[in-house]
């Protein structure tokens, strides 16, 4: 009678090896998401996790094992925009107490070099 006493072997056998592949996929996708989240910026941290849960049921000398995999990945980073809130509830890109030197907000469809060079 062959005895299985090694968790690596048990995990490898579960679901005919599909569990190990699913766990590997979760791990690789989580690592890719964490790397993307840091954007190659030095000292930027990103945290995530990969979990394997084994539900084990023993009945009349038999064992049934059901496995669940899950992961937590960082949410995508989105930029923010800063505006001034005016008394009438509208937004402005210019400080309301400073003199308007350029005649209102710049045309966003023009490039920066177009604005600089006129």
PDB file of N, CA and C in Angstrom:
ATOM      1  N   UNK A   1       0.848  -1.178   0.000  1.00  0.00           N
ATOM      2  CA  UNK A   1       0.000   0.000   0.000  1.00  0.00           C
ATOM      3  C   UNK A   1       0.896   1.245   0.000  1.00  0.00           C
ATOM      4  N   UNK A   2       0.639   2.143  -0.941  1.00  0.00           N
ATOM      5  CA  UNK A   2       1.422   3.371  -1.026  1.00  0.00           C
ATOM      6  C   UNK A   2       0.819   4.414  -0.090  1.00  0.00           C
ATOM      7  N   UNK A   3       1.680   5.007   0.723  1.00  0.00           N
ATOM      8  CA  UNK A   3       1.243   6.032   1.670  1.00  0.00           C
ATOM      9  C   UNK A   3       1.711   7.400   1.168  1.00  0.00           C
ATOM     10  N   UNK A   4       0.816   8.367   1.276  1.00  0.00           N
ATOM     11  CA  UNK A   4       1.156   9.738   0.879  1.00  0.00           C
ATOM     12  C   UNK A   4       1.257  10.564   2.153  1.00  0.00           C
ATOM     13  N   UNK A   5       2.446  11.085   2.410  1.00  0.00           N
ATOM     14  CA  UNK A   5       2.670  11.863   3.634  1.00  0.00           C
ATOM     15  C   UNK A   5       3.282  13.225   3.335  1.00  0.00           C
ATOM     16  N   UNK A   6       3.331  13.581   2.087  1.00  0.00           N
ATOM     17  CA  UNK A   6       4.000  14.807   1.665  1.00  0.00           C
ATOM     18  C   UNK A   6       2.968  15.766   1.056  1.00  0.00           C
ATOM     19  N   UNK A   7       2.897  16.986   1.587  1.00  0.00           N
ATOM     20  CA  UNK A   7       1.895  17.942   1.098  1.00  0.00           C
ATOM     21  C   UNK A   7       2.120  18.320  -0.366  1.00  0.00           C
ATOM     22  N   UNK A   8       3.368  18.364  -0.820  1.00  0.00           N
ATOM     23  CA  UNK A   8       3.616  18.664  -2.236  1.00  0.00           C
ATOM     24  C   UNK A   8       2.982  17.607  -3.133  1.00  0.00           C
ATOM     25  N   UNK A   9       3.087  16.364  -2.736  1.00  0.00           N
ATOM     26  CA  UNK A   9       2.496  15.268  -3.509  1.00  0.00           C
ATOM     27  C   UNK A   9       0.975  15.359  -3.490  1.00  0.00           C
ATOM     28  N   UNK A  10       0.409  15.621  -2.325  1.00  0.00           N
ATOM     29  CA  UNK A  10      -1.048  15.730  -2.211  1.00  0.00           C
ATOM     30  C   UNK A  10      -1.566  16.855  -3.099  1.00  0.00           C
ATOM     31  N   UNK A  11      -0.952  18.033  -3.012  1.00  0.00           N
ATOM     32  CA  UNK A  11      -1.394  19.169  -3.831  1.00  0.00           C
ATOM     33  C   UNK A  11      -1.237  18.847  -5.313  1.00  0.00           C
ATOM     34  N   UNK A  12      -0.157  18.187  -5.669  1.00  0.00           N
ATOM     35  CA  UNK A  12       0.063  17.806  -7.063  1.00  0.00           C
ATOM     36  C   UNK A  12      -0.959  16.815  -7.586  1.00  0.00           C
ATOM     37  N   UNK A  13      -1.505  15.976  -6.719  1.00  0.00           N
ATOM     38  CA  UNK A  13      -2.487  14.968  -7.122  1.00  0.00           C
ATOM     39  C   UNK A  13      -3.922  15.497  -7.159  1.00  0.00           C
ATOM     40  N   UNK A  14      -4.196  16.546  -6.391  1.00  0.00           N
ATOM     41  CA  UNK A  14      -5.567  17.049  -6.312  1.00  0.00           C
ATOM     42  C   UNK A  14      -6.062  17.502  -7.685  1.00  0.00           C
ATOM     43  N   UNK A  15      -7.286  17.134  -7.987  1.00  0.00           N
ATOM     44  CA  UNK A  15      -7.951  17.492  -9.246  1.00  0.00           C
ATOM     45  C   UNK A  15      -7.115  17.077 -10.460  1.00  0.00           C
ATOM     46  N   UNK A  16      -6.445  15.936 -10.327  1.00  0.00           N
ATOM     47  CA  UNK A  16      -5.602  15.409 -11.421  1.00  0.00           C
ATOM     48  C   UNK A  16      -4.544  16.408 -11.880  1.00  0.00           C
ATOM     49  N   UNK A  17      -4.010  17.171 -10.944  1.00  0.00           N
ATOM     50  CA  UNK A  17      -2.949  18.124 -11.252  1.00  0.00           C
ATOM     51  C   UNK A  17      -3.438  19.501 -11.648  1.00  0.00           C
ATOM     52  N   UNK A  18      -4.743  19.642 -11.862  1.00  0.00           N
ATOM     53  CA  UNK A  18      -5.284  20.939 -12.279  1.00  0.00           C
ATOM     54  C   UNK A  18      -5.186  21.978 -11.170  1.00  0.00           C
ATOM     55  N   UNK A  19      -5.278  21.553  -9.921  1.00  0.00           N
ATOM     56  CA  UNK A  19      -5.156  22.494  -8.807  1.00  0.00           C
ATOM     57  C   UNK A  19      -3.778  23.145  -8.807  1.00  0.00           C
ATOM     58  N   UNK A  20      -2.737  22.355  -8.967  1.00  0.00           N
ATOM     59  CA  UNK A  20      -1.378  22.907  -8.966  1.00  0.00           C
ATOM     60  C   UNK A  20      -1.218  23.916 -10.095  1.00  0.00           C
ATOM     61  N   UNK A  21      -1.792  23.625 -11.260  1.00  0.00           N
ATOM     62  CA  UNK A  21      -1.712  24.558 -12.382  1.00  0.00           C
ATOM     63  C   UNK A  21      -2.496  25.832 -12.087  1.00  0.00           C
ATOM     64  N   UNK A  22      -3.679  25.689 -11.494  1.00  0.00           N
ATOM     65  CA  UNK A  22      -4.491  26.856 -11.142  1.00  0.00           C
ATOM     66  C   UNK A  22      -3.776  27.722 -10.109  1.00  0.00           C
ATOM     67  N   UNK A  23      -3.145  27.084  -9.137  1.00  0.00           N
ATOM     68  CA  UNK A  23      -2.397  27.818  -8.118  1.00  0.00           C
ATOM     69  C   UNK A  23      -1.219  28.559  -8.747  1.00  0.00           C
ATOM     70  N   UNK A  24      -0.533  27.916  -9.666  1.00  0.00           N
ATOM     71  CA  UNK A  24       0.577  28.559 -10.375  1.00  0.00           C
ATOM     72  C   UNK A  24       0.081  29.764 -11.166  1.00  0.00           C
ATOM     73  N   UNK A  25      -1.049  29.612 -11.846  1.00  0.00           N
ATOM     74  CA  UNK A  25      -1.617  30.714 -12.627  1.00  0.00           C
ATOM     75  C   UNK A  25      -1.977  31.886 -11.724  1.00  0.00           C
ATOM     76  N   UNK A  26      -2.627  31.608 -10.585  1.00  0.00           N
ATOM     77  CA  UNK A  26      -2.971  32.676  -9.627  1.00  0.00           C
ATOM     78  C   UNK A  26      -1.713  33.410  -9.170  1.00  0.00           C
ATOM     79  N   UNK A  27      -0.674  32.650  -8.876  1.00  0.00           N
ATOM     80  CA  UNK A  27       0.584  33.229  -8.404  1.00  0.00           C
ATOM     81  C   UNK A  27       1.206  34.124  -9.476  1.00  0.00           C
ATOM     82  N   UNK A  28       1.289  33.631 -10.704  1.00  0.00           N
ATOM     83  CA  UNK A  28       1.914  34.394 -11.787  1.00  0.00           C
ATOM     84  C   UNK A  28       1.115  35.655 -12.117  1.00  0.00           C
ATOM     85  N   UNK A  29      -0.213  35.544 -12.146  1.00  0.00           N
ATOM     86  CA  UNK A  29      -1.048  36.709 -12.436  1.00  0.00           C
ATOM     87  C   UNK A  29      -0.968  37.742 -11.319  1.00  0.00           C
ATOM     88  N   UNK A  30      -0.886  37.284 -10.080  1.00  0.00           N
ATOM     89  CA  UNK A  30      -0.755  38.209  -8.952  1.00  0.00           C
ATOM     90  C   UNK A  30       0.591  38.919  -8.992  1.00  0.00           C
ATOM     91  N   UNK A  31       1.654  38.183  -9.259  1.00  0.00           N
ATOM     92  CA  UNK A  31       2.980  38.806  -9.359  1.00  0.00           C
ATOM     93  C   UNK A  31       3.026  39.822 -10.495  1.00  0.00           C
ATOM     94  N   UNK A  32       2.414  39.502 -11.625  1.00  0.00           N
ATOM     95  CA  UNK A  32       2.382  40.442 -12.756  1.00  0.00           C
ATOM     96  C   UNK A  32       1.605  41.703 -12.386  1.00  0.00           C
ATOM     97  N   UNK A  33       0.483  41.541 -11.675  1.00  0.00           N
ATOM     98  CA  UNK A  33      -0.309  42.699 -11.252  1.00  0.00           C
ATOM     99  C   UNK A  33       0.470  43.567 -10.268  1.00  0.00           C
ATOM    100  N   UNK A  34       1.210  42.939  -9.368  1.00  0.00           N
ATOM    101  CA  UNK A  34       2.017  43.698  -8.405  1.00  0.00           C
ATOM    102  C   UNK A  34       3.136  44.446  -9.110  1.00  0.00           C
ATOM    103  N   UNK A  35       3.770  43.801 -10.066  1.00  0.00           N
ATOM    104  CA  UNK A  35       4.841  44.457 -10.813  1.00  0.00           C
ATOM    105  C   UNK A  35       4.289  45.632 -11.614  1.00  0.00           C
ATOM    106  N   UNK A  36       3.139  45.439 -12.242  1.00  0.00           N
ATOM    107  CA  UNK A  36       2.520  46.518 -13.012  1.00  0.00           C
ATOM    108  C   UNK A  36       2.137  47.676 -12.100  1.00  0.00           C
ATOM    109  N   UNK A  37       1.652  47.351 -10.911  1.00  0.00           N
ATOM    110  CA  UNK A  37       1.229  48.375  -9.953  1.00  0.00           C
ATOM    111  C   UNK A  37       2.400  49.268  -9.530  1.00  0.00           C
ATOM    112  N   UNK A  38       3.585  48.677  -9.364  1.00  0.00           N
ATOM    113  CA  UNK A  38       4.742  49.481  -8.955  1.00  0.00           C
ATOM    114  C   UNK A  38       5.291  50.298 -10.110  1.00  0.00           C
ATOM    115  N   UNK A  39       5.013  49.901 -11.334  1.00  0.00           N
ATOM    116  CA  UNK A  39       5.410  50.691 -12.494  1.00  0.00           C
ATOM    117  C   UNK A  39       6.902  50.888 -12.641  1.00  0.00           C
ATOM    118  N   UNK A  40       7.707  50.026 -12.062  1.00  0.00           N
ATOM    119  CA  UNK A  40       9.153  50.163 -12.175  1.00  0.00           C
ATOM    120  C   UNK A  40       9.725  51.324 -11.370  1.00  0.00           C
ATOM    121  N   UNK A  41       8.894  51.947 -10.543  1.00  0.00           N
ATOM    122  CA  UNK A  41       9.356  53.078  -9.734  1.00  0.00           C
ATOM    123  C   UNK A  41      10.088  52.556  -8.508  1.00  0.00           C
ATOM    124  N   UNK A  42      11.232  53.132  -8.192  1.00  0.00           N
ATOM    125  CA  UNK A  42      11.983  52.657  -7.019  1.00  0.00           C
ATOM    126  C   UNK A  42      11.223  52.941  -5.721  1.00  0.00           C
ATOM    127  N   UNK A  43      11.347  52.045  -4.793  1.00  0.00           N
ATOM    128  CA  UNK A  43      10.798  52.154  -3.437  1.00  0.00           C
ATOM    129  C   UNK A  43       9.273  52.187  -3.380  1.00  0.00           C
ATOM    130  N   UNK A  44       8.595  51.868  -4.481  1.00  0.00           N
ATOM    131  CA  UNK A  44       7.139  51.798  -4.466  1.00  0.00           C
ATOM    132  C   UNK A  44       6.738  50.382  -4.068  1.00  0.00           C
ATOM    133  N   UNK A  45       5.846  50.277  -3.087  1.00  0.00           N
ATOM    134  CA  UNK A  45       5.425  48.968  -2.589  1.00  0.00           C
ATOM    135  C   UNK A  45       4.059  48.600  -3.156  1.00  0.00           C
ATOM    136  N   UNK A  46       3.881  47.325  -3.374  1.00  0.00           N
ATOM    137  CA  UNK A  46       2.579  46.786  -3.751  1.00  0.00           C
ATOM    138  C   UNK A  46       2.417  45.462  -3.009  1.00  0.00           C
ATOM    139  N   UNK A  47       1.252  45.263  -2.435  1.00  0.00           N
ATOM    140  CA  UNK A  47       1.015  44.039  -1.675  1.00  0.00           C
ATOM    141  C   UNK A  47      -0.148  43.264  -2.270  1.00  0.00           C
ATOM    142  N   UNK A  48      -0.035  41.966  -2.188  1.00  0.00           N
ATOM    143  CA  UNK A  48      -1.090  41.079  -2.644  1.00  0.00           C
ATOM    144  C   UNK A  48      -0.966  39.764  -1.912  1.00  0.00           C
ATOM    145  N   UNK A  49      -1.845  38.836  -2.239  1.00  0.00           N
ATOM    146  CA  UNK A  49      -1.760  37.519  -1.613  1.00  0.00           C
ATOM    147  C   UNK A  49      -2.400  36.473  -2.517  1.00  0.00           C
ATOM    148  N   UNK A  50      -1.954  35.246  -2.342  1.00  0.00           N
ATOM    149  CA  UNK A  50      -2.545  34.089  -3.006  1.00  0.00           C
ATOM    150  C   UNK A  50      -2.865  33.086  -1.906  1.00  0.00           C
ATOM    151  N   UNK A  51      -4.090  32.591  -1.911  1.00  0.00           N
ATOM    152  CA  UNK A  51      -4.519  31.668  -0.855  1.00  0.00           C
ATOM    153  C   UNK A  51      -4.962  30.338  -1.442  1.00  0.00           C
ATOM    154  N   UNK A  52      -4.641  29.289  -0.721  1.00  0.00           N
ATOM    155  CA  UNK A  52      -5.109  27.944  -1.032  1.00  0.00           C
ATOM    156  C   UNK A  52      -5.841  27.437   0.200  1.00  0.00           C
ATOM    157  N   UNK A  53      -7.102  27.090   0.025  1.00  0.00           N
ATOM    158  CA  UNK A  53      -7.896  26.558   1.131  1.00  0.00           C
ATOM    159  C   UNK A  53      -8.287  25.132   0.781  1.00  0.00           C
ATOM    160  N   UNK A  54      -7.992  24.213   1.684  1.00  0.00           N
ATOM    161  CA  UNK A  54      -8.350  22.813   1.494  1.00  0.00           C
ATOM    162  C   UNK A  54      -9.486  22.464   2.450  1.00  0.00           C
ATOM    163  N   UNK A  55     -10.630  22.102   1.901  1.00  0.00           N
ATOM    164  CA  UNK A  55     -11.765  21.637   2.695  1.00  0.00           C
ATOM    165  C   UNK A  55     -11.681  20.113   2.728  1.00  0.00           C
ATOM    166  N   UNK A  56     -11.534  19.557   3.918  1.00  0.00           N
ATOM    167  CA  UNK A  56     -11.292  18.121   4.077  1.00  0.00           C
ATOM    168  C   UNK A  56     -12.458  17.498   4.833  1.00  0.00           C
ATOM    169  N   UNK A  57     -12.997  16.425   4.253  1.00  0.00           N
ATOM    170  CA  UNK A  57     -14.110  15.715   4.884  1.00  0.00           C
ATOM    171  C   UNK A  57     -13.755  14.229   4.987  1.00  0.00           C
ATOM    172  N   UNK A  58     -13.898  13.684   6.190  1.00  0.00           N
ATOM    173  CA  UNK A  58     -13.627  12.261   6.428  1.00  0.00           C
ATOM    174  C   UNK A  58     -14.953  11.569   6.740  1.00  0.00           C
ATOM    175  N   UNK A  59     -15.245  10.483   5.994  1.00  0.00           N
ATOM    176  CA  UNK A  59     -16.455   9.687   6.209  1.00  0.00           C
ATOM    177  C   UNK A  59     -16.098   8.218   6.010  1.00  0.00           C
ATOM    178  N   UNK A  60     -16.369   7.397   7.012  1.00  0.00           N
ATOM    179  CA  UNK A  60     -16.174   5.944   6.921  1.00  0.00           C
ATOM    180  C   UNK A  60     -14.804   5.545   6.380  1.00  0.00           C
ATOM    181  N   UNK A  61     -13.764   6.197   6.861  1.00  0.00           N
ATOM    182  CA  UNK A  61     -12.410   5.825   6.465  1.00  0.00           C
ATOM    183  C   UNK A  61     -11.975   6.346   5.104  1.00  0.00           C
ATOM    184  N   UNK A  62     -12.779   7.246   4.500  1.00  0.00           N
ATOM    185  CA  UNK A  62     -12.385   7.864   3.226  1.00  0.00           C
ATOM    186  C   UNK A  62     -12.238   9.364   3.428  1.00  0.00           C
ATOM    187  N   UNK A  63     -11.480   9.977   2.561  1.00  0.00           N
ATOM    188  CA  UNK A  63     -11.236  11.418   2.657  1.00  0.00           C
ATOM    189  C   UNK A  63     -11.589  12.066   1.323  1.00  0.00           C
ATOM    190  N   UNK A  64     -12.343  13.145   1.395  1.00  0.00           N
ATOM    191  CA  UNK A  64     -12.631  13.974   0.227  1.00  0.00           C
ATOM    192  C   UNK A  64     -12.000  15.336   0.477  1.00  0.00           C
ATOM    193  N   UNK A  65     -11.219  15.795  -0.491  1.00  0.00           N
ATOM    194  CA  UNK A  65     -10.554  17.093  -0.370  1.00  0.00           C
ATOM    195  C   UNK A  65     -11.030  17.978  -1.513  1.00  0.00           C
ATOM    196  N   UNK A  66     -11.566  19.133  -1.155  1.00  0.00           N
ATOM    197  CA  UNK A  66     -11.954  20.147  -2.133  1.00  0.00           C
ATOM    198  C   UNK A  66     -11.055  21.350  -1.920  1.00  0.00           C
ATOM    199  N   UNK A  67     -10.536  21.879  -3.001  1.00  0.00           N
ATOM    200  CA  UNK A  67      -9.590  22.996  -2.908  1.00  0.00           C
ATOM    201  C   UNK A  67     -10.191  24.267  -3.491  1.00  0.00           C
ATOM    202  N   UNK A  68      -9.860  25.382  -2.867  1.00  0.00           N
ATOM    203  CA  UNK A  68     -10.257  26.699  -3.358  1.00  0.00           C
ATOM    204  C   UNK A  68      -9.008  27.557  -3.445  1.00  0.00           C
ATOM    205  N   UNK A  69      -8.860  28.269  -4.545  1.00  0.00           N
ATOM    206  CA  UNK A  69      -7.762  29.228  -4.669  1.00  0.00           C
ATOM    207  C   UNK A  69      -8.361  30.619  -4.810  1.00  0.00           C
ATOM    208  N   UNK A  70      -7.665  31.589  -4.291  1.00  0.00           N
ATOM    209  CA  UNK A  70      -8.093  32.979  -4.425  1.00  0.00           C
ATOM    210  C   UNK A  70      -6.869  33.869  -4.336  1.00  0.00           C
ATOM    211  N   UNK A  71      -7.040  35.092  -4.795  1.00  0.00           N
ATOM    212  CA  UNK A  71      -5.934  36.044  -4.708  1.00  0.00           C
ATOM    213  C   UNK A  71      -6.481  37.436  -4.462  1.00  0.00           C
ATOM    214  N   UNK A  72      -5.648  38.264  -3.869  1.00  0.00           N
ATOM    215  CA  UNK A  72      -5.944  39.682  -3.671  1.00  0.00           C
ATOM    216  C   UNK A  72      -4.856  40.452  -4.388  1.00  0.00           C
ATOM    217  N   UNK A  73      -5.287  41.347  -5.242  1.00  0.00           N
ATOM    218  CA  UNK A  73      -4.343  42.139  -6.031  1.00  0.00           C
ATOM    219  C   UNK A  73      -4.648  43.611  -5.818  1.00  0.00           C
ATOM    220  N   UNK A  74      -3.650  44.468  -5.982  1.00  0.00           N
ATOM    221  CA  UNK A  74      -3.901  45.895  -5.785  1.00  0.00           C
ATOM    222  C   UNK A  74      -4.842  46.436  -6.851  1.00  0.00           C
ATOM    223  N   UNK A  75      -5.609  47.406  -6.465  1.00  0.00           N
ATOM    224  CA  UNK A  75      -6.487  48.073  -7.421  1.00  0.00           C
ATOM    225  C   UNK A  75      -5.628  48.930  -8.346  1.00  0.00           C
ATOM    226  N   UNK A  76      -6.054  49.091  -9.591  1.00  0.00           N
ATOM    227  CA  UNK A  76      -5.277  49.926 -10.518  1.00  0.00           C
ATOM    228  C   UNK A  76      -5.140  51.353  -9.997  1.00  0.00           C
ATOM    229  N   UNK A  77      -3.999  51.945 -10.246  1.00  0.00           N
ATOM    230  CA  UNK A  77      -3.735  53.310  -9.812  1.00  0.00           C
ATOM    231  C   UNK A  77      -4.301  54.270 -10.851  1.00  0.00           C
ATOM    232  N   UNK A  78      -5.062  55.218 -10.390  1.00  0.00           N
ATOM    233  CA  UNK A  78      -5.606  56.245 -11.268  1.00  0.00           C
ATOM    234  C   UNK A  78      -5.080  57.586 -10.784  1.00  0.00           C
ATOM    235  N   UNK A  79      -4.835  58.470 -11.703  1.00  0.00           N
ATOM    236  CA  UNK A  79      -4.364  59.802 -11.347  1.00  0.00           C
ATOM    237  C   UNK A  79      -5.492  60.633 -10.754  1.00  0.00           C
ATOM    238  N   UNK A  80      -5.132  61.754 -10.215  1.00  0.00           N
ATOM    239  CA  UNK A  80      -6.135  62.672  -9.685  1.00  0.00           C
ATOM    240  C   UNK A  80      -5.961  64.029 -10.356  1.00  0.00           C
ATOM    241  N   UNK A  81      -6.996  64.811 -10.325  1.00  0.00           N
ATOM    242  CA  UNK A  81      -6.972  66.149 -10.913  1.00  0.00           C
ATOM    243  C   UNK A  81      -7.330  67.143  -9.823  1.00  0.00           C
ATOM    244  N   UNK A  82      -6.711  68.310  -9.868  1.00  0.00           N
ATOM    245  CA  UNK A  82      -6.915  69.332  -8.850  1.00  0.00           C
ATOM    246  C   UNK A  82      -7.623  70.525  -9.478  1.00  0.00           C
ATOM    247  N   UNK A  83      -8.676  70.997  -8.832  1.00  0.00           N
ATOM    248  CA  UNK A  83      -9.422  72.167  -9.298  1.00  0.00           C
ATOM    249  C   UNK A  83      -9.746  73.045  -8.101  1.00  0.00           C
ATOM    250  N   UNK A  84     -10.093  74.280  -8.393  1.00  0.00           N
ATOM    251  CA  UNK A  84     -10.581  75.189  -7.369  1.00  0.00           C
ATOM    252  C   UNK A  84     -12.104  75.166  -7.419  1.00  0.00           C
ATOM    253  N   UNK A  85     -12.747  75.138  -6.266  1.00  0.00           N
ATOM    254  CA  UNK A  85     -14.201  75.189  -6.185  1.00  0.00           C
ATOM    255  C   UNK A  85     -14.606  76.645  -5.993  1.00  0.00           C
ATOM    256  N   UNK A  86     -15.412  77.159  -6.908  1.00  0.00           N
ATOM    257  CA  UNK A  86     -15.833  78.557  -6.866  1.00  0.00           C
ATOM    258  C   UNK A  86     -17.111  78.708  -6.045  1.00  0.00           C
ATOM    259  N   UNK A  87     -17.436  79.954  -5.698  1.00  0.00           N
ATOM    260  CA  UNK A  87     -18.604  80.234  -4.861  1.00  0.00           C
ATOM    261  C   UNK A  87     -19.905  79.717  -5.464  1.00  0.00           C
ATOM    262  N   UNK A  88     -20.010  79.712  -6.791  1.00  0.00           N
ATOM    263  CA  UNK A  88     -21.250  79.268  -7.438  1.00  0.00           C
ATOM    264  C   UNK A  88     -21.295  77.750  -7.638  1.00  0.00           C
ATOM    265  N   UNK A  89     -20.293  77.035  -7.125  1.00  0.00           N
ATOM    266  CA  UNK A  89     -20.263  75.581  -7.229  1.00  0.00           C
ATOM    267  C   UNK A  89     -19.574  75.048  -8.466  1.00  0.00           C
ATOM    268  N   UNK A  90     -19.094  75.927  -9.338  1.00  0.00           N
ATOM    269  CA  UNK A  90     -18.384  75.465 -10.534  1.00  0.00           C
ATOM    270  C   UNK A  90     -16.908  75.243 -10.210  1.00  0.00           C
ATOM    271  N   UNK A  91     -16.211  74.600 -11.132  1.00  0.00           N
ATOM    272  CA  UNK A  91     -14.792  74.310 -10.962  1.00  0.00           C
ATOM    273  C   UNK A  91     -13.957  75.234 -11.830  1.00  0.00           C
ATOM    274  N   UNK A  92     -12.729  75.476 -11.389  1.00  0.00           N
ATOM    275  CA  UNK A  92     -11.801  76.291 -12.164  1.00  0.00           C
ATOM    276  C   UNK A  92     -10.403  75.706 -12.041  1.00  0.00           C
ATOM    277  N   UNK A  93      -9.626  75.836 -13.113  1.00  0.00           N
ATOM    278  CA  UNK A  93      -8.233  75.411 -13.072  1.00  0.00           C
ATOM    279  C   UNK A  93      -7.337  76.515 -12.536  1.00  0.00           C
ATOM    280  N   UNK A  94      -7.914  77.687 -12.297  1.00  0.00           N
ATOM    281  CA  UNK A  94      -7.140  78.828 -11.805  1.00  0.00           C
ATOM    282  C   UNK A  94      -7.611  79.228 -10.417  1.00  0.00           C
ATOM    283  N   UNK A  95      -6.673  79.681  -9.609  1.00  0.00           N
ATOM    284  CA  UNK A  95      -6.996  80.155  -8.267  1.00  0.00           C
ATOM    285  C   UNK A  95      -7.936  81.349  -8.402  1.00  0.00           C
ATOM    286  N   UNK A  96      -9.058  81.347  -7.704  1.00  0.00           N
ATOM    287  CA  UNK A  96     -10.043  82.415  -7.886  1.00  0.00           C
ATOM    288  C   UNK A  96      -9.580  83.787  -7.404  1.00  0.00           C
ATOM    289  N   UNK A  97      -8.541  83.857  -6.597  1.00  0.00           N
ATOM    290  CA  UNK A  97      -8.083  85.144  -6.075  1.00  0.00           C
ATOM    291  C   UNK A  97      -6.827  85.645  -6.763  1.00  0.00           C
ATOM    292  N   UNK A  98      -6.432  84.988  -7.845  1.00  0.00           N
ATOM    293  CA  UNK A  98      -5.273  85.450  -8.599  1.00  0.00           C
ATOM    294  C   UNK A  98      -5.731  86.035  -9.925  1.00  0.00           C
ATOM    295  N   UNK A  99      -4.938  86.961 -10.444  1.00  0.00           N
ATOM    296  CA  UNK A  99      -5.264  87.626 -11.705  1.00  0.00           C
ATOM    297  C   UNK A  99      -5.136  86.636 -12.857  1.00  0.00           C
ATOM    298  N   UNK A 100      -6.098  86.681 -13.788  1.00  0.00           N
ATOM    299  CA  UNK A 100      -6.087  85.818 -14.969  1.00  0.00           C
ATOM    300  C   UNK A 100      -5.153  86.425 -16.005  1.00  0.00           C
ATOM    301  N   UNK A 101      -3.990  85.809 -16.206  1.00  0.00           N
ATOM    302  CA  UNK A 101      -2.999  86.336 -17.146  1.00  0.00           C
ATOM    303  C   UNK A 101      -3.188  85.806 -18.565  1.00  0.00           C
ATOM    304  N   UNK A 102      -3.925  84.719 -18.736  1.00  0.00           N
ATOM    305  CA  UNK A 102      -3.985  84.073 -20.043  1.00  0.00           C
ATOM    306  C   UNK A 102      -5.396  83.976 -20.612  1.00  0.00           C
ATOM    307  N   UNK A 103      -6.372  84.575 -19.990  1.00  0.00           N
ATOM    308  CA  UNK A 103      -7.713  84.590 -20.552  1.00  0.00           C
ATOM    309  C   UNK A 103      -8.486  83.290 -20.421  1.00  0.00           C
ATOM    310  N   UNK A 104      -8.402  82.619 -19.303  1.00  0.00           N
ATOM    311  CA  UNK A 104      -9.187  81.406 -19.090  1.00  0.00           C
ATOM    312  C   UNK A 104      -8.363  80.145 -19.207  1.00  0.00           C
ATOM    313  N   UNK A 105      -9.018  79.014 -19.016  1.00  0.00           N
ATOM    314  CA  UNK A 105      -8.296  77.744 -19.096  1.00  0.00           C
ATOM    315  C   UNK A 105      -7.775  77.498 -20.506  1.00  0.00           C
ATOM    316  N   UNK A 106      -6.622  76.856 -20.594  1.00  0.00           N
ATOM    317  CA  UNK A 106      -6.038  76.601 -21.914  1.00  0.00           C
ATOM    318  C   UNK A 106      -6.829  75.525 -22.633  1.00  0.00           C
ATOM    319  N   UNK A 107      -6.748  75.542 -23.933  1.00  0.00           N
ATOM    320  CA  UNK A 107      -7.413  74.553 -24.773  1.00  0.00           C
ATOM    321  C   UNK A 107      -6.705  73.217 -24.591  1.00  0.00           C
ATOM    322  N   UNK A 108      -7.398  72.240 -24.031  1.00  0.00           N
ATOM    323  CA  UNK A 108      -6.784  70.939 -23.746  1.00  0.00           C
ATOM    324  C   UNK A 108      -6.454  70.161 -25.010  1.00  0.00           C
ATOM    325  N   UNK A 109      -7.056  70.522 -26.139  1.00  0.00           N
ATOM    326  CA  UNK A 109      -6.778  69.796 -27.382  1.00  0.00           C
ATOM    327  C   UNK A 109      -5.452  70.209 -28.001  1.00  0.00           C
ATOM    328  N   UNK A 110      -4.888  71.325 -27.566  1.00  0.00           N
ATOM    329  CA  UNK A 110      -3.589  71.770 -28.071  1.00  0.00           C
ATOM    330  C   UNK A 110      -2.482  71.157 -27.236  1.00  0.00           C
ATOM    331  N   UNK A 111      -1.369  70.843 -27.867  1.00  0.00           N
ATOM    332  CA  UNK A 111      -0.226  70.288 -27.149  1.00  0.00           C
ATOM    333  C   UNK A 111       0.490  71.353 -26.347  1.00  0.00           C
ATOM    334  N   UNK A 112       1.338  70.947 -25.425  1.00  0.00           N
ATOM    335  CA  UNK A 112       2.093  71.878 -24.587  1.00  0.00           C
ATOM    336  C   UNK A 112       2.980  72.770 -25.443  1.00  0.00           C
ATOM    337  N   UNK A 113       3.647  72.218 -26.446  1.00  0.00           N
ATOM    338  CA  UNK A 113       4.530  73.035 -27.292  1.00  0.00           C
ATOM    339  C   UNK A 113       3.733  74.039 -28.107  1.00  0.00           C
ATOM    340  N   UNK A 114       2.476  73.700 -28.496  1.00  0.00           N
ATOM    341  CA  UNK A 114       1.631  74.652 -29.215  1.00  0.00           C
ATOM    342  C   UNK A 114       1.314  75.847 -28.329  1.00  0.00           C
ATOM    343  N   UNK A 115       1.050  75.599 -27.049  1.00  0.00           N
ATOM    344  CA  UNK A 115       0.723  76.669 -26.115  1.00  0.00           C
ATOM    345  C   UNK A 115       1.943  77.550 -25.884  1.00  0.00           C
ATOM    346  N   UNK A 116       3.115  76.940 -25.739  1.00  0.00           N
ATOM    347  CA  UNK A 116       4.344  77.695 -25.474  1.00  0.00           C
ATOM    348  C   UNK A 116       4.735  78.537 -26.681  1.00  0.00           C
ATOM    349  N   UNK A 117       4.646  77.960 -27.879  1.00  0.00           N
ATOM    350  CA  UNK A 117       5.096  78.648 -29.087  1.00  0.00           C
ATOM    351  C   UNK A 117       3.976  79.400 -29.797  1.00  0.00           C
ATOM    352  N   UNK A 118       2.801  79.386 -29.220  1.00  0.00           N
ATOM    353  CA  UNK A 118       1.703  80.167 -29.738  1.00  0.00           C
ATOM    354  C   UNK A 118       1.071  79.594 -30.937  1.00  0.00           C
TER     355      UNK A 118
END
